Amino acid sequence: MAFKFEELKVWQISLKLSNEIDAIAKEFPKIELFSLSNQIKKAADSVNLNIAEGCLGQSKAEFSRFLTYSVR
């Protein structure tokens, strides 16, 4: 059974972007492994995670709030 957010285009695009950013971050120098690359990957992942969390059983106002988090 698929979750409702998996049908959202914005979630699908954010997941693809997150995967692309992960691939790019793997090319960073080893010295950046636990600083810049880690921070970039977490930021990219937070976009699709906030969309998913806001979509699950929340009111429209809550969903809107989580979408705002995704944009920031």
C-alpha atoms as a PDB file:
ATOM      1  CA  MET A   1       0.000   0.000   0.000  1.00  0.00           C
ATOM      2  CA  ALA A   2       1.417   3.355  -1.038  1.00  0.00           C
ATOM      3  CA  PHE A   3       1.307   6.400   1.171  1.00  0.00           C
ATOM      4  CA  LYS A   4      -0.641   9.445  -0.022  1.00  0.00           C
ATOM      5  CA  PHE A   5       2.487  11.615  -0.194  1.00  0.00           C
ATOM      6  CA  GLU A   6       4.152   9.202  -2.646  1.00  0.00           C
ATOM      7  CA  GLU A   7       1.671  10.345  -5.295  1.00  0.00           C
ATOM      8  CA  LEU A   8       2.626  14.013  -4.891  1.00  0.00           C
ATOM      9  CA  LYS A   9       4.823  15.316  -7.708  1.00  0.00           C
ATOM     10  CA  VAL A  10       6.624  17.664  -5.340  1.00  0.00           C
ATOM     11  CA  TRP A  11       7.600  14.710  -3.113  1.00  0.00           C
ATOM     12  CA  GLN A  12       8.763  12.658  -6.111  1.00  0.00           C
ATOM     13  CA  ILE A  13      10.896  15.543  -7.377  1.00  0.00           C
ATOM     14  CA  SER A  14      12.351  16.218  -3.919  1.00  0.00           C
ATOM     15  CA  LEU A  15      13.273  12.538  -3.563  1.00  0.00           C
ATOM     16  CA  LYS A  16      15.026  12.585  -6.925  1.00  0.00           C
ATOM     17  CA  LEU A  17      16.862  15.789  -5.975  1.00  0.00           C
ATOM     18  CA  SER A  18      17.909  14.251  -2.668  1.00  0.00           C
ATOM     19  CA  ASN A  19      19.363  11.228  -4.461  1.00  0.00           C
ATOM     20  CA  GLU A  20      21.242  13.482  -6.890  1.00  0.00           C
ATOM     21  CA  ILE A  21      22.660  15.546  -4.030  1.00  0.00           C
ATOM     22  CA  ASP A  22      23.798  12.357  -2.275  1.00  0.00           C
ATOM     23  CA  ALA A  23      25.656  11.312  -5.407  1.00  0.00           C
ATOM     24  CA  ILE A  24      27.301  14.735  -5.745  1.00  0.00           C
ATOM     25  CA  ALA A  25      28.258  14.825  -2.048  1.00  0.00           C
ATOM     26  CA  LYS A  26      30.066  11.500  -2.422  1.00  0.00           C
ATOM     27  CA  GLU A  27      32.454  13.278  -4.798  1.00  0.00           C
ATOM     28  CA  PHE A  28      33.453  15.850  -2.173  1.00  0.00           C
ATOM     29  CA  PRO A  29      36.950  15.624  -0.691  1.00  0.00           C
ATOM     30  CA  LYS A  30      37.278  13.263   2.277  1.00  0.00           C
ATOM     31  CA  ILE A  31      37.997  16.195   4.576  1.00  0.00           C
ATOM     32  CA  GLU A  32      34.411  17.381   3.999  1.00  0.00           C
ATOM     33  CA  LEU A  33      32.853  13.975   4.707  1.00  0.00           C
ATOM     34  CA  PHE A  34      31.517  14.834   8.170  1.00  0.00           C
ATOM     35  CA  SER A  35      30.947  18.528   7.757  1.00  0.00           C
ATOM     36  CA  LEU A  36      29.763  20.091   4.513  1.00  0.00           C
ATOM     37  CA  SER A  37      28.670  16.930   2.683  1.00  0.00           C
ATOM     38  CA  ASN A  38      26.810  15.628   5.735  1.00  0.00           C
ATOM     39  CA  GLN A  39      25.025  18.951   6.214  1.00  0.00           C
ATOM     40  CA  ILE A  40      24.013  19.168   2.537  1.00  0.00           C
ATOM     41  CA  LYS A  41      22.642  15.619   2.543  1.00  0.00           C
ATOM     42  CA  LYS A  42      20.622  16.234   5.709  1.00  0.00           C
ATOM     43  CA  ALA A  43      19.163  19.437   4.266  1.00  0.00           C
ATOM     44  CA  ALA A  44      18.129  17.676   1.053  1.00  0.00           C
ATOM     45  CA  ASP A  45      16.570  14.786   2.964  1.00  0.00           C
ATOM     46  CA  SER A  46      14.613  17.143   5.205  1.00  0.00           C
ATOM     47  CA  VAL A  47      12.676  18.488   2.213  1.00  0.00           C
ATOM     48  CA  ASN A  48      11.009  15.193   1.307  1.00  0.00           C
ATOM     49  CA  LEU A  49      10.705  14.142   4.973  1.00  0.00           C
ATOM     50  CA  ASN A  50       8.796  17.328   5.844  1.00  0.00           C
ATOM     51  CA  ILE A  51       6.466  16.840   2.873  1.00  0.00           C
ATOM     52  CA  ALA A  52       5.798  13.257   3.944  1.00  0.00           C
ATOM     53  CA  GLU A  53       5.255  14.126   7.614  1.00  0.00           C
ATOM     54  CA  GLY A  54       2.881  16.961   6.814  1.00  0.00           C
ATOM     55  CA  CYS A  55       0.847  14.750   4.521  1.00  0.00           C
ATOM     56  CA  LEU A  56       0.212  11.993   7.059  1.00  0.00           C
ATOM     57  CA  GLY A  57      -3.023  12.534   8.950  1.00  0.00           C
ATOM     58  CA  GLN A  58      -2.627  16.243   9.385  1.00  0.00           C
ATOM     59  CA  SER A  59      -5.039  19.082   8.785  1.00  0.00           C
ATOM     60  CA  LYS A  60      -4.588  21.318   5.763  1.00  0.00           C
ATOM     61  CA  ALA A  61      -3.086  23.978   8.015  1.00  0.00           C
ATOM     62  CA  GLU A  62      -0.529  21.490   9.398  1.00  0.00           C
ATOM     63  CA  PHE A  63       0.287  20.259   5.901  1.00  0.00           C
ATOM     64  CA  SER A  64       0.823  23.850   4.794  1.00  0.00           C
ATOM     65  CA  ARG A  65       3.140  24.425   7.776  1.00  0.00           C
ATOM     66  CA  PHE A  66       5.261  21.390   6.882  1.00  0.00           C
ATOM     67  CA  LEU A  67       5.434  22.499   3.235  1.00  0.00           C
ATOM     68  CA  THR A  68       6.745  25.828   4.488  1.00  0.00           C
ATOM     69  CA  TYR A  69       9.459  23.946   6.394  1.00  0.00           C
ATOM     70  CA  SER A  70      10.380  22.171   3.158  1.00  0.00           C
ATOM     71  CA  VAL A  71      10.899  25.435   1.334  1.00  0.00           C
ATOM     72  CA  ARG A  72      13.154  26.921   4.020  1.00  0.00           C
END
